[in-house]
Amino acid sequence: MSSYNYVFKYIIVGAMGVGKSSLLTRFIEDKFYPEISHTIGVEFATKIIEIVKERVKLQVWDTAGQERFRAVTRSYYRGTSTVFLVYDISRRSSFNQLETWLNDAKNYTDPNVVKFLIGNKIDINERQVSYEEGQDFAKENNLQFIETSAKSGENVEDAFIRSANLVYKLVKEGKLTKNVVVNPKKISKKNMESNEKYRSMEQESKSGCC
């Protein structure tokens, strides 16, 4: 098992089909699959990065966008250090639903948690939500903001690295200590290995999600 100094938990939320799973896959595997399955419930993957010469494991939870799984998603906000609120820049309806997801993030997380607004699918020409609209929404709600393409990979890694650096800064300032695991070596190897193998997901087929 690789050693690391911290574990930061991420949760990715947003409407169905905005590309949450594709963002996760692009960051973890640096791959894009034109056909990918809808997430039912939640699943997670991990990746170790380096921040200021310290190794940090990002544990990233991908959640279902369907309303019927909202209660399941809410239960996974506990211990989160970062929330990614994702919408599809080519689908106005996904942007209009952001308020609902943001309210959950506010209600079920620590006030100091890093919240990142992500406009995905900038590789698509048929834009329905302007960059300025996303930026304004982020400013109004005190969110970080970036636009990405899981398909091309543009800005995906940057979103994770930028947010991780913000979390790291908050941890060092003592503002987010309850939401990260520090010195994971103190956790039993058995428990960590069990956690790594955990999957709480079923899948149903769909086509195309960037």
N, C-alpha and C. Protein backbone atom coordinates (compact mmCIF):
# COMPACT_ATOMS: atom_id res chain seq x y z
N MET A 1 0.85 -1.19 0.00
CA MET A 1 0.00 0.00 0.00
C MET A 1 0.89 1.25 0.00
N SER A 2 0.61 2.20 -0.88
CA SER A 2 1.38 3.43 -0.95
C SER A 2 1.15 4.28 0.28
N SER A 3 2.20 4.96 0.74
CA SER A 3 2.06 5.82 1.91
C SER A 3 1.60 7.22 1.49
N TYR A 4 0.90 7.90 2.39
CA TYR A 4 0.42 9.25 2.11
C TYR A 4 0.14 9.91 3.44
N ASN A 5 0.10 11.24 3.43
CA ASN A 5 -0.03 12.01 4.66
C ASN A 5 -1.47 12.40 5.00
N TYR A 6 -2.31 12.53 3.98
CA TYR A 6 -3.69 12.96 4.19
C TYR A 6 -4.62 12.20 3.25
N VAL A 7 -5.89 12.15 3.65
CA VAL A 7 -6.96 11.69 2.77
C VAL A 7 -8.00 12.80 2.69
N PHE A 8 -8.26 13.28 1.47
CA PHE A 8 -9.30 14.28 1.24
C PHE A 8 -10.46 13.60 0.53
N LYS A 9 -11.64 13.72 1.10
CA LYS A 9 -12.82 13.13 0.48
C LYS A 9 -13.53 14.15 -0.40
N TYR A 10 -13.81 13.75 -1.64
CA TYR A 10 -14.54 14.57 -2.60
C TYR A 10 -15.89 13.92 -2.89
N ILE A 11 -16.88 14.75 -3.19
CA ILE A 11 -18.14 14.22 -3.69
C ILE A 11 -18.55 15.04 -4.92
N ILE A 12 -18.93 14.33 -5.98
CA ILE A 12 -19.33 14.97 -7.23
C ILE A 12 -20.83 14.85 -7.37
N VAL A 13 -21.52 15.99 -7.46
CA VAL A 13 -22.97 15.98 -7.56
C VAL A 13 -23.42 16.80 -8.76
N GLY A 14 -24.66 16.57 -9.16
CA GLY A 14 -25.23 17.28 -10.30
C GLY A 14 -26.27 16.43 -10.99
N ALA A 15 -26.95 17.01 -11.95
CA ALA A 15 -28.02 16.31 -12.66
C ALA A 15 -27.48 15.10 -13.43
N MET A 16 -28.38 14.19 -13.74
CA MET A 16 -28.00 13.01 -14.50
C MET A 16 -27.50 13.42 -15.89
N GLY A 17 -26.41 12.80 -16.32
CA GLY A 17 -25.91 13.02 -17.67
C GLY A 17 -25.00 14.21 -17.87
N VAL A 18 -24.59 14.88 -16.78
CA VAL A 18 -23.72 16.05 -16.94
C VAL A 18 -22.25 15.66 -17.11
N GLY A 19 -21.93 14.38 -16.86
CA GLY A 19 -20.56 13.92 -17.06
C GLY A 19 -19.77 13.71 -15.78
N LYS A 20 -20.46 13.47 -14.68
CA LYS A 20 -19.77 13.27 -13.39
C LYS A 20 -18.84 12.06 -13.44
N SER A 21 -19.35 10.94 -13.94
CA SER A 21 -18.53 9.72 -14.02
C SER A 21 -17.36 9.90 -14.98
N SER A 22 -17.60 10.64 -16.05
CA SER A 22 -16.54 10.87 -17.03
C SER A 22 -15.44 11.76 -16.47
N LEU A 23 -15.82 12.74 -15.65
CA LEU A 23 -14.81 13.58 -15.00
C LEU A 23 -13.94 12.73 -14.07
N LEU A 24 -14.58 11.85 -13.31
CA LEU A 24 -13.85 10.97 -12.41
C LEU A 24 -12.90 10.06 -13.18
N THR A 25 -13.41 9.46 -14.25
CA THR A 25 -12.59 8.55 -15.05
C THR A 25 -11.42 9.28 -15.71
N ARG A 26 -11.67 10.49 -16.20
CA ARG A 26 -10.59 11.27 -16.82
C ARG A 26 -9.50 11.58 -15.80
N PHE A 27 -9.89 11.95 -14.59
CA PHE A 27 -8.90 12.29 -13.57
C PHE A 27 -8.13 11.07 -13.09
N ILE A 28 -8.83 9.98 -12.83
CA ILE A 28 -8.20 8.78 -12.26
C ILE A 28 -7.41 8.01 -13.31
N GLU A 29 -8.01 7.79 -14.48
CA GLU A 29 -7.41 6.93 -15.50
C GLU A 29 -6.86 7.68 -16.70
N ASP A 30 -7.18 8.97 -16.81
CA ASP A 30 -6.86 9.77 -17.98
C ASP A 30 -7.44 9.13 -19.25
N LYS A 31 -8.69 8.68 -19.12
CA LYS A 31 -9.39 8.05 -20.24
C LYS A 31 -10.79 8.63 -20.36
N PHE A 32 -11.35 8.49 -21.57
CA PHE A 32 -12.73 8.90 -21.81
C PHE A 32 -13.44 7.80 -22.57
N TYR A 33 -14.61 7.42 -22.09
CA TYR A 33 -15.39 6.38 -22.74
C TYR A 33 -16.66 7.00 -23.32
N PRO A 34 -16.81 6.98 -24.64
CA PRO A 34 -18.00 7.58 -25.28
C PRO A 34 -19.30 7.01 -24.74
N GLU A 35 -19.28 5.73 -24.38
CA GLU A 35 -20.45 5.11 -23.77
C GLU A 35 -20.09 4.72 -22.35
N ILE A 36 -20.87 5.23 -21.42
CA ILE A 36 -20.60 4.96 -20.01
C ILE A 36 -21.93 4.75 -19.31
N SER A 37 -21.91 4.07 -18.20
CA SER A 37 -23.15 3.73 -17.51
C SER A 37 -23.56 4.79 -16.51
N HIS A 38 -24.87 4.95 -16.33
CA HIS A 38 -25.37 5.81 -15.28
C HIS A 38 -24.96 5.23 -13.93
N THR A 39 -24.53 6.10 -13.02
CA THR A 39 -24.26 5.66 -11.67
C THR A 39 -25.58 5.51 -10.92
N ILE A 40 -25.72 4.37 -10.26
CA ILE A 40 -26.89 4.12 -9.43
C ILE A 40 -26.39 4.04 -7.99
N GLY A 41 -26.76 5.02 -7.17
CA GLY A 41 -26.21 5.08 -5.83
C GLY A 41 -24.91 5.86 -5.86
N VAL A 42 -23.80 5.25 -5.43
CA VAL A 42 -22.50 5.91 -5.44
C VAL A 42 -21.40 4.91 -5.76
N GLU A 43 -20.28 5.43 -6.23
CA GLU A 43 -19.05 4.64 -6.34
C GLU A 43 -17.89 5.59 -6.08
N PHE A 44 -16.73 5.04 -5.76
CA PHE A 44 -15.60 5.95 -5.58
C PHE A 44 -14.33 5.36 -6.16
N ALA A 45 -13.37 6.25 -6.39
CA ALA A 45 -12.04 5.86 -6.83
C ALA A 45 -11.04 6.78 -6.13
N THR A 46 -9.78 6.37 -6.10
CA THR A 46 -8.77 7.16 -5.39
C THR A 46 -7.55 7.43 -6.27
N LYS A 47 -6.88 8.52 -5.94
CA LYS A 47 -5.64 8.87 -6.63
C LYS A 47 -4.76 9.67 -5.66
N ILE A 48 -3.47 9.37 -5.65
CA ILE A 48 -2.53 10.09 -4.79
C ILE A 48 -1.85 11.19 -5.58
N ILE A 49 -1.88 12.40 -5.02
CA ILE A 49 -1.20 13.53 -5.63
C ILE A 49 -0.21 14.10 -4.61
N GLU A 50 0.58 15.07 -5.03
CA GLU A 50 1.55 15.68 -4.12
C GLU A 50 1.26 17.17 -4.00
N ILE A 51 1.18 17.64 -2.75
CA ILE A 51 0.96 19.07 -2.47
C ILE A 51 2.03 19.52 -1.48
N VAL A 52 2.81 20.48 -1.90
CA VAL A 52 3.89 21.01 -1.06
C VAL A 52 4.72 19.87 -0.46
N LYS A 53 5.10 18.95 -1.30
CA LYS A 53 5.95 17.81 -0.95
C LYS A 53 5.29 16.84 0.02
N GLU A 54 3.98 16.92 0.18
CA GLU A 54 3.24 15.95 1.00
C GLU A 54 2.29 15.17 0.10
N ARG A 55 2.21 13.86 0.35
CA ARG A 55 1.37 13.00 -0.47
C ARG A 55 -0.06 12.98 0.08
N VAL A 56 -0.99 13.24 -0.81
CA VAL A 56 -2.40 13.34 -0.43
C VAL A 56 -3.22 12.38 -1.28
N LYS A 57 -3.99 11.55 -0.61
CA LYS A 57 -4.89 10.66 -1.34
C LYS A 57 -6.25 11.34 -1.49
N LEU A 58 -6.69 11.50 -2.73
CA LEU A 58 -8.02 12.02 -3.01
C LEU A 58 -8.97 10.83 -3.16
N GLN A 59 -9.98 10.79 -2.33
CA GLN A 59 -11.00 9.75 -2.39
C GLN A 59 -12.24 10.41 -2.99
N VAL A 60 -12.51 10.09 -4.25
CA VAL A 60 -13.52 10.84 -5.01
C VAL A 60 -14.78 9.99 -5.20
N TRP A 61 -15.89 10.51 -4.69
CA TRP A 61 -17.17 9.80 -4.75
C TRP A 61 -18.03 10.36 -5.88
N ASP A 62 -18.45 9.48 -6.75
CA ASP A 62 -19.32 9.81 -7.88
C ASP A 62 -20.74 9.41 -7.51
N THR A 63 -21.68 10.34 -7.63
CA THR A 63 -23.04 10.08 -7.16
C THR A 63 -24.04 10.06 -8.31
N ALA A 64 -25.18 9.46 -8.03
CA ALA A 64 -26.26 9.40 -9.02
C ALA A 64 -26.97 10.74 -9.11
N GLY A 65 -27.38 11.10 -10.32
CA GLY A 65 -28.07 12.37 -10.50
C GLY A 65 -29.58 12.26 -10.45
N GLN A 66 -30.09 11.03 -10.41
CA GLN A 66 -31.55 10.85 -10.39
C GLN A 66 -32.13 11.25 -9.04
N GLU A 67 -33.30 11.86 -9.09
CA GLU A 67 -33.97 12.33 -7.88
C GLU A 67 -34.21 11.19 -6.89
N ARG A 68 -34.51 9.99 -7.39
CA ARG A 68 -34.84 8.88 -6.49
C ARG A 68 -33.66 8.43 -5.65
N PHE A 69 -32.43 8.86 -6.02
CA PHE A 69 -31.26 8.50 -5.23
C PHE A 69 -30.74 9.66 -4.39
N ARG A 70 -31.51 10.75 -4.31
CA ARG A 70 -31.06 11.93 -3.58
C ARG A 70 -30.77 11.63 -2.11
N ALA A 71 -31.63 10.83 -1.49
CA ALA A 71 -31.43 10.50 -0.07
C ALA A 71 -30.13 9.72 0.13
N VAL A 72 -29.81 8.84 -0.82
CA VAL A 72 -28.56 8.07 -0.74
C VAL A 72 -27.37 9.02 -0.85
N THR A 73 -27.45 9.92 -1.82
CA THR A 73 -26.36 10.88 -2.04
C THR A 73 -26.11 11.72 -0.80
N ARG A 74 -27.18 12.18 -0.16
CA ARG A 74 -27.04 13.04 1.02
C ARG A 74 -26.22 12.38 2.13
N SER A 75 -26.37 11.08 2.25
CA SER A 75 -25.67 10.37 3.32
C SER A 75 -24.15 10.35 3.11
N TYR A 76 -23.69 10.65 1.90
CA TYR A 76 -22.26 10.60 1.60
C TYR A 76 -21.56 11.95 1.72
N TYR A 77 -22.30 12.98 2.12
CA TYR A 77 -21.67 14.28 2.35
C TYR A 77 -20.81 14.28 3.61
N ARG A 78 -21.09 13.38 4.52
CA ARG A 78 -20.37 13.36 5.81
C ARG A 78 -18.86 13.19 5.58
N GLY A 79 -18.08 14.06 6.22
CA GLY A 79 -16.63 13.97 6.13
C GLY A 79 -16.05 14.49 4.85
N THR A 80 -16.87 15.12 4.02
CA THR A 80 -16.39 15.63 2.73
C THR A 80 -15.57 16.90 2.91
N SER A 81 -14.49 16.99 2.17
CA SER A 81 -13.68 18.21 2.20
C SER A 81 -13.94 19.08 0.97
N THR A 82 -14.46 18.47 -0.12
CA THR A 82 -14.70 19.19 -1.36
C THR A 82 -15.96 18.69 -2.04
N VAL A 83 -16.78 19.63 -2.50
CA VAL A 83 -17.97 19.29 -3.28
C VAL A 83 -17.80 19.86 -4.68
N PHE A 84 -17.90 19.01 -5.69
CA PHE A 84 -17.95 19.44 -7.08
C PHE A 84 -19.41 19.49 -7.51
N LEU A 85 -19.91 20.67 -7.86
CA LEU A 85 -21.26 20.82 -8.39
C LEU A 85 -21.14 20.97 -9.90
N VAL A 86 -21.61 19.96 -10.62
CA VAL A 86 -21.37 19.88 -12.06
C VAL A 86 -22.65 20.12 -12.85
N TYR A 87 -22.52 20.90 -13.92
CA TYR A 87 -23.60 21.06 -14.89
C TYR A 87 -23.04 20.91 -16.29
N ASP A 88 -23.92 20.76 -17.25
CA ASP A 88 -23.57 20.56 -18.65
C ASP A 88 -23.81 21.90 -19.36
N ILE A 89 -22.76 22.51 -19.90
CA ILE A 89 -22.89 23.84 -20.52
C ILE A 89 -23.78 23.81 -21.76
N SER A 90 -24.05 22.61 -22.28
CA SER A 90 -24.91 22.48 -23.46
C SER A 90 -26.35 22.14 -23.09
N ARG A 91 -26.65 22.12 -21.78
CA ARG A 91 -27.99 21.76 -21.33
C ARG A 91 -28.44 22.69 -20.21
N ARG A 92 -29.28 23.66 -20.57
CA ARG A 92 -29.73 24.67 -19.63
C ARG A 92 -30.40 24.07 -18.38
N SER A 93 -31.15 23.01 -18.56
CA SER A 93 -31.87 22.42 -17.44
C SER A 93 -30.94 21.97 -16.32
N SER A 94 -29.75 21.48 -16.69
CA SER A 94 -28.80 21.02 -15.66
C SER A 94 -28.26 22.20 -14.85
N PHE A 95 -28.15 23.35 -15.49
CA PHE A 95 -27.71 24.57 -14.80
C PHE A 95 -28.81 25.07 -13.87
N ASN A 96 -30.04 24.97 -14.34
CA ASN A 96 -31.18 25.44 -13.54
C ASN A 96 -31.38 24.61 -12.27
N GLN A 97 -30.88 23.38 -12.27
CA GLN A 97 -31.03 22.51 -11.10
C GLN A 97 -29.95 22.72 -10.04
N LEU A 98 -28.98 23.57 -10.33
CA LEU A 98 -27.83 23.73 -9.42
C LEU A 98 -28.23 24.18 -8.03
N GLU A 99 -29.25 25.03 -7.94
CA GLU A 99 -29.67 25.56 -6.64
C GLU A 99 -30.03 24.43 -5.67
N THR A 100 -30.69 23.41 -6.21
CA THR A 100 -31.09 22.27 -5.37
C THR A 100 -29.87 21.53 -4.84
N TRP A 101 -28.90 21.27 -5.73
CA TRP A 101 -27.68 20.56 -5.31
C TRP A 101 -26.87 21.41 -4.34
N LEU A 102 -26.83 22.70 -4.59
CA LEU A 102 -26.08 23.60 -3.71
C LEU A 102 -26.70 23.64 -2.31
N ASN A 103 -28.01 23.64 -2.24
CA ASN A 103 -28.69 23.64 -0.94
C ASN A 103 -28.33 22.39 -0.14
N ASP A 104 -28.27 21.24 -0.82
CA ASP A 104 -27.86 20.01 -0.13
C ASP A 104 -26.43 20.14 0.39
N ALA A 105 -25.56 20.68 -0.46
CA ALA A 105 -24.16 20.83 -0.08
C ALA A 105 -24.02 21.74 1.14
N LYS A 106 -24.81 22.79 1.19
CA LYS A 106 -24.77 23.70 2.33
C LYS A 106 -25.33 23.05 3.60
N ASN A 107 -26.39 22.28 3.42
CA ASN A 107 -27.08 21.69 4.57
C ASN A 107 -26.35 20.51 5.19
N TYR A 108 -25.57 19.78 4.37
CA TYR A 108 -24.99 18.53 4.84
C TYR A 108 -23.47 18.53 4.95
N THR A 109 -22.85 19.70 4.78
CA THR A 109 -21.40 19.77 4.91
C THR A 109 -20.99 20.89 5.86
N ASP A 110 -19.73 20.86 6.25
CA ASP A 110 -19.15 21.92 7.07
C ASP A 110 -19.12 23.22 6.26
N PRO A 111 -19.33 24.37 6.89
CA PRO A 111 -19.31 25.66 6.17
C PRO A 111 -17.99 25.94 5.44
N ASN A 112 -16.90 25.37 5.95
CA ASN A 112 -15.59 25.64 5.35
C ASN A 112 -15.22 24.70 4.20
N VAL A 113 -16.09 23.75 3.91
CA VAL A 113 -15.81 22.81 2.82
C VAL A 113 -15.63 23.58 1.51
N VAL A 114 -14.68 23.14 0.70
CA VAL A 114 -14.44 23.76 -0.61
C VAL A 114 -15.55 23.34 -1.57
N LYS A 115 -16.20 24.32 -2.17
CA LYS A 115 -17.27 24.05 -3.14
C LYS A 115 -16.85 24.58 -4.49
N PHE A 116 -16.85 23.69 -5.48
CA PHE A 116 -16.35 24.03 -6.81
C PHE A 116 -17.46 23.84 -7.83
N LEU A 117 -17.79 24.92 -8.56
CA LEU A 117 -18.77 24.83 -9.64
C LEU A 117 -18.04 24.48 -10.92
N ILE A 118 -18.52 23.40 -11.59
CA ILE A 118 -17.85 22.93 -12.81
C ILE A 118 -18.83 22.88 -13.97
N GLY A 119 -18.55 23.68 -14.99
CA GLY A 119 -19.32 23.63 -16.23
C GLY A 119 -18.63 22.66 -17.17
N ASN A 120 -19.22 21.50 -17.38
CA ASN A 120 -18.58 20.45 -18.16
C ASN A 120 -19.07 20.44 -19.62
N LYS A 121 -18.34 19.73 -20.47
CA LYS A 121 -18.65 19.52 -21.90
C LYS A 121 -18.39 20.75 -22.76
N ILE A 122 -17.30 21.46 -22.47
CA ILE A 122 -16.97 22.63 -23.28
C ILE A 122 -16.47 22.25 -24.67
N ASP A 123 -16.32 20.95 -24.91
CA ASP A 123 -15.97 20.49 -26.26
C ASP A 123 -17.18 20.55 -27.20
N ILE A 124 -18.37 20.72 -26.65
CA ILE A 124 -19.59 20.77 -27.46
C ILE A 124 -19.86 22.21 -27.90
N ASN A 125 -20.13 22.41 -29.17
CA ASN A 125 -20.32 23.76 -29.71
C ASN A 125 -21.66 24.38 -29.33
N GLU A 126 -22.68 23.53 -29.13
CA GLU A 126 -24.03 24.05 -28.86
C GLU A 126 -24.16 24.45 -27.39
N ARG A 127 -23.54 25.56 -27.04
CA ARG A 127 -23.57 26.05 -25.66
C ARG A 127 -24.91 26.71 -25.35
N GLN A 128 -25.49 26.33 -24.20
CA GLN A 128 -26.73 26.96 -23.73
C GLN A 128 -26.50 27.81 -22.47
N VAL A 129 -25.36 27.61 -21.83
CA VAL A 129 -25.02 28.38 -20.63
C VAL A 129 -23.68 29.06 -20.87
N SER A 130 -23.67 30.38 -20.82
CA SER A 130 -22.44 31.11 -21.09
C SER A 130 -21.45 30.99 -19.93
N TYR A 131 -20.20 31.25 -20.24
CA TYR A 131 -19.17 31.25 -19.21
C TYR A 131 -19.50 32.27 -18.13
N GLU A 132 -19.99 33.44 -18.56
CA GLU A 132 -20.31 34.52 -17.64
C GLU A 132 -21.43 34.12 -16.67
N GLU A 133 -22.42 33.37 -17.16
CA GLU A 133 -23.50 32.92 -16.28
C GLU A 133 -22.96 32.00 -15.19
N GLY A 134 -22.09 31.08 -15.57
CA GLY A 134 -21.49 30.19 -14.58
C GLY A 134 -20.66 30.96 -13.59
N GLN A 135 -19.88 31.89 -14.09
CA GLN A 135 -19.02 32.71 -13.24
C GLN A 135 -19.85 33.55 -12.26
N ASP A 136 -20.95 34.12 -12.75
CA ASP A 136 -21.81 34.93 -11.89
C ASP A 136 -22.46 34.08 -10.80
N PHE A 137 -22.93 32.89 -11.17
CA PHE A 137 -23.54 32.00 -10.18
C PHE A 137 -22.52 31.64 -9.09
N ALA A 138 -21.30 31.38 -9.52
CA ALA A 138 -20.24 31.03 -8.57
C ALA A 138 -19.96 32.19 -7.62
N LYS A 139 -19.87 33.40 -8.17
CA LYS A 139 -19.58 34.57 -7.33
C LYS A 139 -20.70 34.82 -6.33
N GLU A 140 -21.95 34.69 -6.79
CA GLU A 140 -23.11 34.93 -5.93
C GLU A 140 -23.17 33.96 -4.75
N ASN A 141 -22.63 32.76 -4.97
CA ASN A 141 -22.74 31.70 -3.96
C ASN A 141 -21.40 31.33 -3.33
N ASN A 142 -20.39 32.17 -3.57
CA ASN A 142 -19.07 31.96 -2.97
C ASN A 142 -18.48 30.60 -3.34
N LEU A 143 -18.53 30.28 -4.62
CA LEU A 143 -18.00 29.03 -5.13
C LEU A 143 -16.76 29.29 -5.99
N GLN A 144 -15.87 28.32 -6.03
CA GLN A 144 -14.82 28.32 -7.04
C GLN A 144 -15.47 27.94 -8.37
N PHE A 145 -14.86 28.32 -9.48
CA PHE A 145 -15.48 28.05 -10.78
C PHE A 145 -14.44 27.69 -11.83
N ILE A 146 -14.81 26.69 -12.65
CA ILE A 146 -13.98 26.31 -13.78
C ILE A 146 -14.86 25.59 -14.80
N GLU A 147 -14.50 25.69 -16.07
CA GLU A 147 -15.17 24.92 -17.11
C GLU A 147 -14.22 23.83 -17.60
N THR A 148 -14.78 22.67 -17.92
CA THR A 148 -13.98 21.50 -18.25
C THR A 148 -14.54 20.73 -19.44
N SER A 149 -13.73 19.82 -19.93
CA SER A 149 -14.19 18.82 -20.89
C SER A 149 -13.62 17.48 -20.47
N ALA A 150 -14.48 16.59 -20.01
CA ALA A 150 -14.02 15.24 -19.67
C ALA A 150 -13.57 14.52 -20.94
N LYS A 151 -14.14 14.90 -22.07
CA LYS A 151 -13.81 14.23 -23.33
C LYS A 151 -12.37 14.55 -23.76
N SER A 152 -12.00 15.82 -23.76
CA SER A 152 -10.65 16.21 -24.17
C SER A 152 -9.67 16.22 -23.00
N GLY A 153 -10.21 16.30 -21.80
CA GLY A 153 -9.37 16.39 -20.61
C GLY A 153 -9.08 17.81 -20.17
N GLU A 154 -9.54 18.78 -20.94
CA GLU A 154 -9.23 20.17 -20.64
C GLU A 154 -9.71 20.58 -19.25
N ASN A 155 -8.78 21.08 -18.46
CA ASN A 155 -9.03 21.63 -17.12
C ASN A 155 -9.50 20.62 -16.06
N VAL A 156 -9.59 19.35 -16.40
CA VAL A 156 -10.08 18.37 -15.43
C VAL A 156 -9.08 18.21 -14.27
N GLU A 157 -7.85 17.93 -14.60
CA GLU A 157 -6.85 17.78 -13.55
C GLU A 157 -6.69 19.08 -12.77
N ASP A 158 -6.76 20.20 -13.47
CA ASP A 158 -6.63 21.50 -12.82
C ASP A 158 -7.69 21.70 -11.74
N ALA A 159 -8.93 21.26 -12.03
CA ALA A 159 -10.01 21.39 -11.04
C ALA A 159 -9.69 20.62 -9.76
N PHE A 160 -9.16 19.42 -9.92
CA PHE A 160 -8.82 18.60 -8.74
C PHE A 160 -7.61 19.16 -8.00
N ILE A 161 -6.60 19.58 -8.73
CA ILE A 161 -5.39 20.10 -8.10
C ILE A 161 -5.67 21.42 -7.38
N ARG A 162 -6.40 22.30 -8.05
CA ARG A 162 -6.73 23.59 -7.42
C ARG A 162 -7.53 23.40 -6.14
N SER A 163 -8.52 22.54 -6.20
CA SER A 163 -9.36 22.31 -5.02
C SER A 163 -8.57 21.64 -3.90
N ALA A 164 -7.71 20.71 -4.26
CA ALA A 164 -6.90 20.02 -3.24
C ALA A 164 -5.96 21.01 -2.53
N ASN A 165 -5.42 21.94 -3.28
CA ASN A 165 -4.55 22.96 -2.68
C ASN A 165 -5.33 23.86 -1.72
N LEU A 166 -6.58 24.16 -2.08
CA LEU A 166 -7.42 24.97 -1.20
C LEU A 166 -7.73 24.21 0.09
N VAL A 167 -8.04 22.91 -0.03
CA VAL A 167 -8.30 22.09 1.15
C VAL A 167 -7.06 22.03 2.03
N TYR A 168 -5.93 21.79 1.41
CA TYR A 168 -4.66 21.71 2.14
C TYR A 168 -4.41 23.00 2.94
N LYS A 169 -4.67 24.13 2.31
CA LYS A 169 -4.49 25.43 2.98
C LYS A 169 -5.42 25.55 4.18
N LEU A 170 -6.67 25.13 4.02
CA LEU A 170 -7.64 25.19 5.12
C LEU A 170 -7.24 24.27 6.27
N VAL A 171 -6.70 23.10 5.91
CA VAL A 171 -6.24 22.15 6.93
C VAL A 171 -5.10 22.77 7.74
N LYS A 172 -4.15 23.37 7.04
CA LYS A 172 -3.00 23.98 7.71
C LYS A 172 -3.42 25.16 8.59
N GLU A 173 -4.52 25.81 8.20
CA GLU A 173 -5.03 26.94 9.00
C GLU A 173 -5.94 26.47 10.13
N GLY A 174 -6.18 25.15 10.20
CA GLY A 174 -7.01 24.60 11.26
C GLY A 174 -8.50 24.78 11.05
N LYS A 175 -8.92 25.03 9.82
CA LYS A 175 -10.32 25.31 9.53
C LYS A 175 -11.09 24.11 9.00
N LEU A 176 -10.39 23.02 8.70
CA LEU A 176 -11.07 21.87 8.09
C LEU A 176 -10.54 20.56 8.64
N THR A 177 -10.10 20.55 9.86
CA THR A 177 -9.44 19.36 10.41
C THR A 177 -10.37 18.17 10.59
N LYS A 178 -11.67 18.40 10.78
CA LYS A 178 -12.61 17.30 10.98
C LYS A 178 -12.97 16.59 9.68
N ASN A 179 -12.61 17.20 8.55
CA ASN A 179 -13.04 16.67 7.26
C ASN A 179 -11.92 16.00 6.47
N VAL A 180 -10.80 15.75 7.11
CA VAL A 180 -9.70 15.06 6.43
C VAL A 180 -9.14 14.01 7.38
N VAL A 181 -8.51 13.00 6.80
CA VAL A 181 -7.80 12.00 7.59
C VAL A 181 -6.33 12.39 7.56
N VAL A 182 -5.77 12.63 8.73
CA VAL A 182 -4.37 13.02 8.84
C VAL A 182 -3.57 11.83 9.33
N ASN A 183 -2.38 11.64 8.74
CA ASN A 183 -1.52 10.52 9.12
C ASN A 183 -2.27 9.19 9.08
N PRO A 184 -2.71 8.75 7.90
CA PRO A 184 -3.51 7.53 7.78
C PRO A 184 -2.83 6.28 8.31
N LYS A 185 -1.53 6.32 8.56
CA LYS A 185 -0.83 5.15 9.08
C LYS A 185 -1.42 4.71 10.42
N LYS A 186 -2.08 5.65 11.10
CA LYS A 186 -2.68 5.32 12.39
C LYS A 186 -3.94 4.48 12.24
N ILE A 187 -4.47 4.43 11.03
CA ILE A 187 -5.65 3.61 10.76
C ILE A 187 -5.18 2.20 10.44
N SER A 188 -5.87 1.22 10.91
CA SER A 188 -5.43 -0.15 10.69
C SER A 188 -5.41 -0.48 9.21
N LYS A 189 -4.43 -1.27 8.82
CA LYS A 189 -4.31 -1.67 7.43
C LYS A 189 -5.55 -2.42 6.97
N LYS A 190 -6.11 -3.23 7.85
CA LYS A 190 -7.30 -4.00 7.50
C LYS A 190 -8.46 -3.08 7.14
N ASN A 191 -8.67 -2.02 7.94
CA ASN A 191 -9.77 -1.10 7.68
C ASN A 191 -9.55 -0.33 6.38
N MET A 192 -8.32 0.08 6.12
CA MET A 192 -8.04 0.83 4.90
C MET A 192 -8.25 -0.03 3.67
N GLU A 193 -7.79 -1.29 3.74
CA GLU A 193 -7.95 -2.18 2.59
C GLU A 193 -9.42 -2.46 2.35
N SER A 194 -10.19 -2.61 3.41
CA SER A 194 -11.62 -2.83 3.27
C SER A 194 -12.28 -1.64 2.60
N ASN A 195 -11.85 -0.45 2.99
CA ASN A 195 -12.41 0.77 2.42
C ASN A 195 -12.08 0.89 0.94
N GLU A 196 -10.85 0.53 0.58
CA GLU A 196 -10.42 0.63 -0.81
C GLU A 196 -11.25 -0.25 -1.72
N LYS A 197 -11.69 -1.41 -1.21
CA LYS A 197 -12.40 -2.37 -2.04
C LYS A 197 -13.89 -2.06 -2.13
N TYR A 198 -14.37 -1.09 -1.32
CA TYR A 198 -15.80 -0.84 -1.24
C TYR A 198 -16.37 -0.30 -2.54
N ARG A 199 -17.47 -0.87 -2.95
CA ARG A 199 -18.23 -0.35 -4.09
C ARG A 199 -19.71 -0.41 -3.72
N SER A 200 -20.40 0.69 -3.87
CA SER A 200 -21.83 0.70 -3.60
C SER A 200 -22.50 1.22 -4.85
N MET A 201 -22.57 0.39 -5.86
CA MET A 201 -23.04 0.84 -7.14
C MET A 201 -23.60 -0.29 -7.96
N GLU A 202 -24.69 0.00 -8.68
CA GLU A 202 -25.16 -0.86 -9.73
C GLU A 202 -25.17 0.01 -10.97
N GLN A 203 -25.27 -0.58 -12.15
CA GLN A 203 -25.23 0.23 -13.36
C GLN A 203 -26.36 -0.12 -14.30
N GLU A 204 -26.76 0.88 -15.07
CA GLU A 204 -27.69 0.64 -16.15
C GLU A 204 -27.09 1.29 -17.39
N SER A 205 -27.33 0.73 -18.55
CA SER A 205 -26.66 1.20 -19.75
C SER A 205 -27.20 2.54 -20.22
N LYS A 206 -26.33 3.35 -20.74
CA LYS A 206 -26.71 4.57 -21.43
C LYS A 206 -25.69 4.83 -22.51
N SER A 207 -25.92 5.74 -23.40
CA SER A 207 -24.94 6.04 -24.43
C SER A 207 -24.56 7.50 -24.34
N GLY A 208 -23.24 7.74 -24.48
CA GLY A 208 -22.71 9.08 -24.59
C GLY A 208 -22.85 9.95 -23.36
N CYS A 209 -21.74 10.23 -22.72
CA CYS A 209 -21.72 11.20 -21.63
C CYS A 209 -20.33 11.79 -21.55
N CYS A 210 -20.18 13.09 -21.75
CA CYS A 210 -18.85 13.71 -21.79
C CYS A 210 -18.49 14.31 -20.46
